[in-house]
Protein backbone atom coordinates (compact mmCIF):
# COMPACT_ATOMS: atom_id res chain seq x y z
CA MET A 1 44.65 65.22 -130.80
CA ILE A 2 42.13 67.95 -129.86
CA THR A 3 42.28 71.32 -132.26
CA ASN A 4 38.83 72.46 -130.77
CA ASP A 5 38.96 75.25 -128.49
CA ALA A 6 36.04 75.06 -126.91
CA VAL A 7 36.98 71.24 -125.75
CA VAL A 8 39.76 72.64 -124.54
CA LEU A 9 38.77 74.91 -122.89
CA GLY A 10 36.48 72.48 -120.70
CA ILE A 11 39.68 70.35 -120.53
CA LEU A 12 41.87 73.19 -119.26
CA LEU A 13 38.08 73.82 -116.73
CA VAL A 14 37.63 70.14 -115.46
CA VAL A 15 41.60 70.35 -114.86
CA LEU A 16 41.52 73.57 -112.35
CA ALA A 17 38.42 72.39 -110.59
CA ALA A 18 40.01 68.98 -110.20
CA VAL A 19 43.42 70.65 -108.69
CA TYR A 20 41.23 73.13 -106.52
CA TYR A 21 38.55 69.70 -105.29
CA THR A 22 41.30 67.67 -103.58
CA SER A 23 43.12 70.81 -102.53
CA GLN A 24 40.73 71.29 -99.57
CA LEU A 25 39.73 67.37 -98.80
CA ASN A 26 41.15 66.89 -95.65
CA THR A 27 42.16 63.37 -95.99
CA PRO A 28 46.02 62.69 -95.00
CA GLY A 29 47.22 61.78 -97.74
CA TRP A 30 45.80 64.60 -100.67
CA LYS A 31 47.15 67.45 -97.50
CA LYS A 32 50.54 65.60 -97.52
CA PHE A 33 50.41 66.12 -101.42
CA TYR A 34 50.00 69.56 -101.38
CA LYS A 35 51.90 70.32 -98.52
CA PHE A 36 55.26 69.44 -101.40
CA VAL A 37 53.20 69.86 -104.25
CA PRO A 38 51.64 73.94 -104.57
CA ALA A 39 48.06 73.96 -105.99
CA ILE A 40 48.68 76.24 -108.81
CA LEU A 41 51.93 74.86 -109.76
CA LEU A 42 49.82 71.51 -110.81
CA CYS A 43 47.37 73.53 -112.48
CA TYR A 44 50.37 75.56 -114.22
CA PHE A 45 51.90 72.23 -115.33
CA ILE A 46 49.01 69.60 -115.81
CA PRO A 47 47.89 71.16 -119.51
CA ALA A 48 51.53 71.58 -119.88
CA LEU A 49 52.01 67.71 -119.88
CA LEU A 50 48.83 68.21 -122.00
CA ASN A 51 50.64 69.63 -124.17
CA TRP A 52 53.96 67.67 -124.02
CA PRO A 53 54.90 64.58 -123.58
CA ILE A 54 51.23 63.54 -124.26
CA GLY A 55 49.72 65.34 -127.18
CA LEU A 56 45.88 65.82 -126.10
CA ILE A 57 46.33 69.36 -126.55
CA SER A 58 48.08 72.46 -128.46
CA GLY A 59 49.05 74.96 -127.28
CA GLU A 60 50.67 76.35 -130.42
CA GLN A 61 46.71 75.43 -132.39
CA SER A 62 44.59 76.93 -129.80
CA LYS A 63 43.50 80.55 -129.52
CA LEU A 64 43.19 80.00 -125.44
CA TYR A 65 45.80 82.00 -124.60
CA PHE A 66 45.47 85.01 -127.00
CA ILE A 67 41.31 85.41 -125.92
CA SER A 68 42.99 84.91 -122.48
CA THR A 69 45.36 87.59 -123.12
CA ARG A 70 43.41 89.59 -124.45
CA TYR A 71 39.41 89.29 -122.32
CA PHE A 72 39.90 87.64 -118.81
CA LEU A 73 43.30 88.86 -117.65
CA PRO A 74 41.90 92.71 -118.15
CA ALA A 75 38.46 91.12 -116.86
CA SER A 76 40.56 89.84 -114.47
CA LEU A 77 43.07 93.21 -113.30
CA ILE A 78 39.35 95.03 -113.36
CA LEU A 79 38.03 93.01 -110.53
CA PHE A 80 41.19 93.32 -108.60
CA PHE A 81 41.04 96.61 -108.83
CA LEU A 82 38.15 97.13 -107.30
CA GLY A 83 39.00 96.00 -103.63
CA ALA A 84 42.50 97.44 -103.74
CA ASP A 85 43.61 99.96 -101.59
CA LEU A 86 45.94 101.66 -104.08
CA LYS A 87 46.97 104.32 -100.51
CA SER A 88 48.16 101.44 -99.08
CA ILE A 89 50.00 99.85 -102.09
CA ILE A 90 52.27 102.88 -102.31
CA GLY A 91 52.75 102.77 -99.01
CA LEU A 92 54.51 99.01 -99.04
CA GLY A 93 57.80 101.25 -99.72
CA PRO A 94 60.43 101.46 -102.36
CA LYS A 95 62.25 98.25 -101.30
CA ALA A 96 59.52 97.14 -104.27
CA LEU A 97 60.61 99.42 -106.71
CA ILE A 98 64.69 98.54 -106.03
CA MET A 99 63.50 94.82 -106.63
CA PHE A 100 62.14 95.54 -109.96
CA PHE A 101 65.06 97.72 -110.83
CA THR A 102 67.54 94.95 -109.39
CA SER A 103 65.37 92.10 -111.89
CA THR A 104 66.15 94.00 -114.93
CA PHE A 105 69.93 94.39 -114.23
CA GLY A 106 70.16 91.43 -112.71
CA VAL A 107 68.50 90.26 -116.45
CA MET A 108 71.27 92.30 -118.04
CA ILE A 109 73.69 91.13 -116.29
CA ALA A 110 73.06 87.63 -116.21
CA ALA A 111 73.09 87.47 -120.41
CA PRO A 112 76.66 88.81 -120.94
CA LEU A 113 78.41 86.24 -118.47
CA ALA A 114 75.95 82.93 -118.76
CA ILE A 115 77.95 83.20 -122.28
CA LEU A 116 80.91 82.75 -120.78
CA ILE A 117 80.13 80.43 -118.53
CA THR A 118 78.45 77.98 -121.75
CA TYR A 119 81.22 78.78 -123.42
CA LYS A 120 83.75 77.63 -120.89
CA LEU A 121 81.70 75.58 -119.26
CA PHE A 122 80.35 73.17 -122.95
CA PRO A 123 82.77 73.92 -125.48
CA GLY A 124 81.41 73.67 -129.04
CA LEU A 125 77.29 72.90 -127.45
CA ILE A 126 76.26 76.24 -129.01
CA THR A 127 75.75 76.32 -133.09
CA VAL A 128 74.66 79.47 -133.45
CA PRO A 129 77.50 82.22 -134.88
CA ALA A 130 78.17 84.14 -132.71
CA ASP A 131 77.69 87.45 -135.00
CA ASP A 132 74.35 86.29 -134.46
CA LEU A 133 73.79 85.37 -130.64
CA TRP A 134 74.35 88.49 -129.28
CA ARG A 135 71.16 89.47 -131.37
CA GLY A 136 69.39 86.53 -130.95
CA LEU A 137 69.77 86.89 -127.19
CA GLY A 138 68.83 90.89 -127.16
CA THR A 139 66.04 89.91 -127.86
CA ILE A 140 65.22 87.59 -125.37
CA ALA A 141 66.78 90.01 -122.69
CA ALA A 142 63.94 92.58 -124.04
CA SER A 143 61.51 90.47 -123.61
CA TRP A 144 61.92 88.49 -120.04
CA ILE A 145 62.64 92.78 -119.09
CA GLY A 146 59.22 94.52 -121.11
CA GLY A 147 57.83 92.12 -122.59
CA GLY A 148 56.99 90.59 -126.66
CA ALA A 149 56.16 93.90 -127.67
CA ASN A 150 59.96 95.04 -127.01
CA GLN A 151 60.93 92.27 -128.57
CA THR A 152 59.72 92.32 -131.31
CA ALA A 153 61.04 95.81 -131.81
CA VAL A 154 64.70 94.60 -130.76
CA LYS A 155 64.51 92.20 -133.43
CA GLU A 156 63.22 94.57 -136.00
CA ILE A 157 65.93 96.86 -134.76
CA LEU A 158 68.96 94.35 -134.38
CA GLY A 159 67.42 92.80 -138.16
CA VAL A 160 67.28 88.89 -136.83
CA SER A 161 66.56 86.33 -139.46
CA ASN A 162 63.11 84.71 -138.96
CA ASP A 163 64.63 81.19 -138.22
CA LEU A 164 66.87 81.96 -135.10
CA PHE A 165 64.65 84.64 -133.68
CA GLY A 166 61.83 81.58 -133.79
CA THR A 167 64.32 79.76 -132.30
CA MET A 168 65.31 82.34 -129.36
CA VAL A 169 61.48 82.62 -129.08
CA VAL A 170 61.73 78.64 -127.78
CA ILE A 171 63.99 79.57 -125.55
CA ASP A 172 62.68 82.43 -124.01
CA VAL A 173 59.04 80.79 -123.87
CA LEU A 174 60.53 77.65 -121.85
CA VAL A 175 62.75 79.03 -119.90
CA GLY A 176 60.69 81.84 -118.64
CA ASN A 177 57.52 79.46 -117.78
CA LEU A 178 59.64 76.80 -115.69
CA TRP A 179 60.77 79.74 -113.77
CA LEU A 180 57.73 81.25 -113.75
CA ALA A 181 56.97 77.75 -111.68
CA VAL A 182 59.69 77.67 -109.83
CA LEU A 183 58.55 81.00 -108.75
CA LEU A 184 55.00 79.94 -107.81
CA TYR A 185 56.04 76.76 -105.75
CA LEU A 186 58.52 78.86 -103.55
CA VAL A 187 55.61 81.28 -102.53
CA ALA A 188 54.41 78.46 -100.33
CA SER A 189 57.58 79.03 -98.79
CA ASP A 190 57.03 82.65 -98.36
CA ASN A 191 57.13 82.76 -94.26
CA ALA A 192 60.63 80.30 -94.32
CA LEU A 193 61.80 83.04 -96.62
CA ASN A 194 60.91 86.34 -95.07
CA LYS A 195 62.48 84.75 -92.06
CA TRP A 196 65.66 84.68 -93.59
CA PHE A 197 65.68 87.76 -95.65
CA ARG A 198 65.36 88.77 -91.97
CA ALA A 199 62.51 91.17 -93.78
CA ASP A 200 60.13 93.10 -92.30
CA THR A 201 56.72 92.00 -93.82
CA SER A 202 54.86 94.30 -91.57
CA ALA A 203 53.33 96.71 -94.81
CA ILE A 204 52.70 93.77 -96.75
CA VAL A 205 50.81 92.16 -94.00
CA ALA A 206 48.54 95.48 -92.60
CA LEU A 207 47.53 96.05 -96.61
CA GLU A 208 46.29 91.85 -96.17
CA GLU A 209 44.28 92.96 -93.51
CA LYS A 210 43.42 96.40 -94.51
CA VAL A 211 41.03 95.02 -97.52
CA ALA A 212 40.84 91.50 -95.34
CA ARG A 213 38.58 93.90 -93.15
CA PHE A 214 36.64 95.61 -96.05
CA GLY A 215 35.94 92.06 -97.42
CA SER A 216 34.36 91.12 -93.92
CA SER A 217 32.44 94.78 -93.85
CA VAL A 218 30.86 94.18 -97.10
CA THR A 219 30.33 90.36 -97.96
CA HIS A 220 27.06 88.77 -98.38
CA ILE A 221 26.00 85.83 -100.64
CA PRO A 222 26.11 87.22 -103.86
CA SER A 223 22.31 87.12 -105.68
CA THR A 224 22.14 87.21 -109.57
CA THR A 225 21.88 90.66 -109.87
CA ASP A 226 25.72 91.00 -108.22
CA VAL A 227 26.71 88.41 -110.79
CA PHE A 228 25.60 90.58 -113.73
CA VAL A 229 26.95 93.90 -112.17
CA MET A 230 30.23 92.19 -111.97
CA MET A 231 30.34 91.25 -115.23
CA ALA A 232 29.55 94.18 -116.96
CA VAL A 233 31.80 96.12 -114.56
CA ALA A 234 34.59 93.61 -115.55
CA PHE A 235 34.30 92.79 -119.69
CA GLY A 236 32.68 96.30 -119.70
CA GLY A 237 35.50 97.19 -118.65
CA VAL A 238 37.29 95.17 -120.69
CA GLY A 239 35.32 96.99 -123.55
CA LEU A 240 36.52 100.53 -123.15
CA SER A 241 40.26 99.19 -122.69
CA HIS A 242 39.99 98.16 -126.01
CA PHE A 243 37.56 100.97 -127.05
CA GLY A 244 40.39 102.84 -125.83
CA SER A 245 42.84 100.56 -127.70
CA ASP A 246 41.24 101.11 -130.78
CA LEU A 247 40.48 104.82 -130.12
CA ILE A 248 44.68 105.85 -129.34
CA LEU A 249 46.82 103.82 -131.02
CA PRO A 250 45.25 105.45 -135.37
CA TRP A 251 46.17 108.39 -133.56
CA LEU A 252 49.58 107.43 -132.31
CA GLY A 253 50.36 105.00 -135.72
CA GLN A 254 51.47 108.95 -136.91
CA PHE A 255 54.40 109.28 -134.48
CA GLU A 256 55.13 105.87 -134.82
CA GLU A 257 58.81 106.06 -136.61
CA SER A 258 59.29 109.00 -134.20
CA PHE A 259 58.93 106.01 -131.24
CA LYS A 260 61.03 103.45 -132.81
CA LYS A 261 63.90 105.83 -133.55
CA ILE A 262 63.83 106.23 -129.33
CA HIS A 263 62.65 102.59 -128.94
CA LEU A 264 59.70 103.25 -127.38
CA GLU A 265 57.36 100.90 -130.23
CA SER A 266 55.64 99.22 -126.42
CA LEU A 267 53.51 102.73 -126.79
CA VAL A 268 51.82 102.01 -130.62
CA ASN A 269 51.13 98.18 -128.90
CA GLY A 270 47.16 97.50 -128.78
CA PHE A 271 48.64 94.97 -125.93
CA PHE A 272 50.03 97.61 -123.85
CA TRP A 273 47.07 99.99 -124.00
CA ILE A 274 44.43 97.45 -122.96
CA ILE A 275 46.41 96.27 -120.05
CA LEU A 276 46.55 99.96 -119.22
CA PHE A 277 42.82 100.71 -119.96
CA ALA A 278 42.08 98.56 -117.77
CA SER A 279 44.02 99.38 -114.88
CA VAL A 280 43.14 102.67 -114.71
CA ILE A 281 39.53 101.42 -115.15
CA GLY A 282 40.01 99.77 -112.03
CA ILE A 283 41.79 102.06 -110.15
CA ILE A 284 38.74 104.37 -110.55
CA LEU A 285 36.03 102.30 -109.68
CA SER A 286 37.35 101.62 -106.05
CA PHE A 287 36.48 104.52 -105.24
CA THR A 288 33.45 104.21 -106.33
CA PRO A 289 30.51 102.55 -104.73
CA LEU A 290 31.56 100.16 -106.70
CA ARG A 291 34.01 98.72 -104.49
CA LYS A 292 31.67 97.40 -102.77
CA LEU A 293 31.31 94.48 -104.99
CA GLU A 294 34.36 93.04 -103.67
CA GLY A 295 31.60 91.19 -101.10
CA ALA A 296 29.53 89.79 -103.53
CA GLY A 297 33.69 87.71 -104.78
CA ALA A 298 35.06 90.08 -106.81
CA SER A 299 38.23 89.18 -106.75
CA ARG A 300 37.31 85.41 -106.61
CA TRP A 301 36.43 85.84 -110.24
CA GLY A 302 38.97 87.83 -110.42
CA SER A 303 41.27 84.64 -109.39
CA PHE A 304 39.61 82.09 -111.42
CA PHE A 305 39.41 84.56 -114.71
CA LEU A 306 43.49 84.41 -113.55
CA TYR A 307 43.70 80.63 -113.31
CA ILE A 308 42.93 80.25 -116.67
CA MET A 309 45.00 82.45 -117.83
CA VAL A 310 48.03 80.21 -115.33
CA ALA A 311 46.72 76.99 -118.24
CA THR A 312 46.60 78.31 -120.66
CA ILE A 313 50.03 79.83 -119.73
CA GLY A 314 50.69 76.14 -119.21
CA MET A 315 49.76 74.48 -122.45
CA GLN A 316 52.25 76.54 -124.06
CA MET A 317 54.89 74.82 -123.12
CA ASP A 318 56.99 72.56 -125.47
CA LEU A 319 58.89 70.70 -123.22
CA GLY A 320 59.89 68.65 -125.99
CA ALA A 321 61.89 71.42 -127.80
CA VAL A 322 64.75 71.55 -124.99
CA SER A 323 66.64 68.51 -127.23
CA ASN A 324 66.31 70.57 -130.19
CA HIS A 325 67.86 73.74 -128.45
CA MET A 326 70.40 71.97 -125.75
CA GLY A 327 72.74 74.93 -125.85
CA LEU A 328 71.31 78.16 -126.20
CA PHE A 329 68.05 76.41 -123.55
CA VAL A 330 71.56 75.78 -120.71
CA ILE A 331 72.88 79.29 -121.54
CA GLY A 332 68.87 80.12 -120.96
CA LEU A 333 68.75 77.88 -117.35
CA ILE A 334 72.18 79.63 -116.33
CA TRP A 335 71.79 83.10 -117.01
CA ILE A 336 68.09 82.63 -115.11
CA THR A 337 70.19 81.56 -112.65
CA LEU A 338 72.05 83.77 -112.18
CA HIS A 339 69.07 86.52 -112.01
CA GLY A 340 67.69 84.51 -109.39
CA ILE A 341 70.90 84.67 -107.12
CA ILE A 342 71.03 88.32 -107.82
CA LEU A 343 68.06 89.14 -106.93
CA VAL A 344 68.56 86.53 -103.96
CA ILE A 345 71.82 88.30 -102.22
CA VAL A 346 70.78 92.19 -102.98
CA GLY A 347 66.90 90.59 -101.30
CA ARG A 348 69.17 89.81 -98.27
CA LEU A 349 70.84 93.01 -98.69
CA ILE A 350 68.03 95.36 -98.27
CA LYS A 351 65.57 92.73 -95.93
CA ALA A 352 63.07 93.24 -98.68
CA PRO A 353 60.77 90.08 -98.35
CA PHE A 354 60.26 87.66 -100.84
CA PHE A 355 57.11 88.91 -101.90
CA PHE A 356 58.42 91.79 -103.13
CA LEU A 357 61.90 89.22 -104.95
CA ALA A 358 58.88 87.19 -107.30
CA VAL A 359 56.85 89.55 -108.17
CA GLY A 360 59.75 92.28 -109.17
CA SER A 361 61.20 88.96 -110.72
CA GLN A 362 57.85 88.19 -112.66
CA ALA A 363 56.80 91.74 -113.74
CA ASN A 364 59.77 91.62 -115.89
CA ILE A 365 60.41 88.02 -116.84
CA GLY A 366 56.76 87.36 -117.18
CA GLY A 367 55.04 91.15 -117.92
CA ALA A 368 51.67 92.02 -117.68
CA ALA A 369 50.45 87.94 -118.22
CA SER A 370 52.25 86.33 -115.22
CA ALA A 371 53.16 89.16 -112.79
CA PRO A 372 49.62 89.67 -111.07
CA ILE A 373 49.54 85.18 -111.23
CA VAL A 374 52.67 85.66 -109.04
CA ALA A 375 51.48 88.47 -106.32
CA GLY A 376 47.45 86.99 -106.31
CA SER A 377 49.37 83.59 -105.22
CA PHE A 378 50.72 85.13 -102.42
CA ASN A 379 47.10 87.17 -101.80
CA PRO A 380 44.33 88.46 -104.33
CA ALA A 381 44.49 92.39 -102.69
CA LEU A 382 47.99 92.36 -103.83
CA ALA A 383 47.65 91.35 -107.70
CA PRO A 384 47.08 95.27 -108.49
CA VAL A 385 51.47 95.58 -107.62
CA GLY A 386 52.50 93.11 -110.33
CA VAL A 387 50.23 95.46 -112.77
CA LEU A 388 51.84 98.25 -111.92
CA LEU A 389 55.69 96.22 -111.96
CA ALA A 390 54.59 95.24 -114.83
CA VAL A 391 53.26 97.80 -117.40
CA LEU A 392 56.18 99.24 -115.51
CA GLY A 393 58.72 96.25 -117.53
CA LEU A 394 57.15 97.33 -120.76
CA THR A 395 58.24 101.07 -121.39
CA ILE A 396 61.36 100.32 -121.13
CA GLY A 397 61.86 97.12 -122.43
CA THR A 398 63.28 97.58 -125.52
CA TYR A 399 66.03 100.29 -124.25
CA GLY A 400 67.40 96.78 -121.30
CA GLY A 401 67.49 94.69 -124.45
CA LEU A 402 69.33 96.47 -126.81
CA LEU A 403 72.15 97.62 -123.52
CA CYS A 404 72.23 93.68 -122.76
CA ALA A 405 72.10 92.66 -126.60
CA TYR A 406 75.52 95.10 -127.51
CA MET A 407 76.97 94.08 -123.66
CA MET A 408 77.11 90.20 -124.75
CA GLN A 409 78.54 91.77 -128.94
CA ALA A 410 81.77 93.07 -126.46
CA VAL A 411 81.82 89.57 -124.62
CA LEU A 412 82.25 87.90 -127.46
CA GLY A 413 83.99 90.46 -129.46
CA VAL A 414 81.83 90.63 -132.84
């Protein structure tokens, strides 16, 4: 019904404000409600419902998601990194990387298993020809390991038709976003899950406490000057990130064919460089006096931009599309469920905190756009961990997607 993005943005901000206002109310009804339904989950699902079935707004027609990923996301990353303690993040240990690569291999291993289970339990449900199926699902694997750039690369390499690719994008977005919702819901049970995993969370707690102490030592009522300086740092950094991306892409363009031959198309993708430059700028500024802007609310502004991102991700969901692609949707659900089971098994074996499981998974499945959302939902101080892992996912996504596709081809025998 509404196609004016100014109106849509206003609606999304009203939704976000309403959710967080009611979540802070001290009344028994609201307290009980938010005990079972995390606030961040509503920030995600209400825009999804406004898209479908209500049809008030349209994620497909709106440009807000593009604006969020290109402007608000890098701004939030810079503001989060400002108060980050990089040394302590590195000190979190190897379990973060172990769970990230477990997530990667989980996506690859679960795909052929999901195909076998679907064909066994629901014969006749899959209408896509087998030779097209493994190619199309390979594009989802590339997206779930890296991101959109990797997905497009695998599409071109495997020769997936535009019609089939469009269908796969629907399944990718729908199932991936449902998994994001599950992770956000489980964040509320973080302590109970860590007990079950028998996890040592001391390094994470120490990082949170260290960042909190630093924040307390510099906290003050922000002046108008503070706000201007913060916005200058955030969006000046965004401008530099875009400038750097625009500068390096034409130079890298001359090597595009070489990159394609070794399946590193991400290196000629502008979004990859925007995220990378924004992260580097934030890291550099965290070693300067500007990190004291954390005391004026830098991470709170980062959270504000990030939650706009959450709402725009939500409005991309079209739950009505399930009925049109039921067979592929079933494969996707089984695939993501097996992925989760593999993560849980490895996480319990190595006694990893649930934080590493959730962020490692989302760094693959959702990439740079949503990994910091999951990490920041634990604590804003932890958002940079999600960014660093997501950048790693972008570099290996094409290789992982292709290998996964060939594994599915072998299972299908085509």
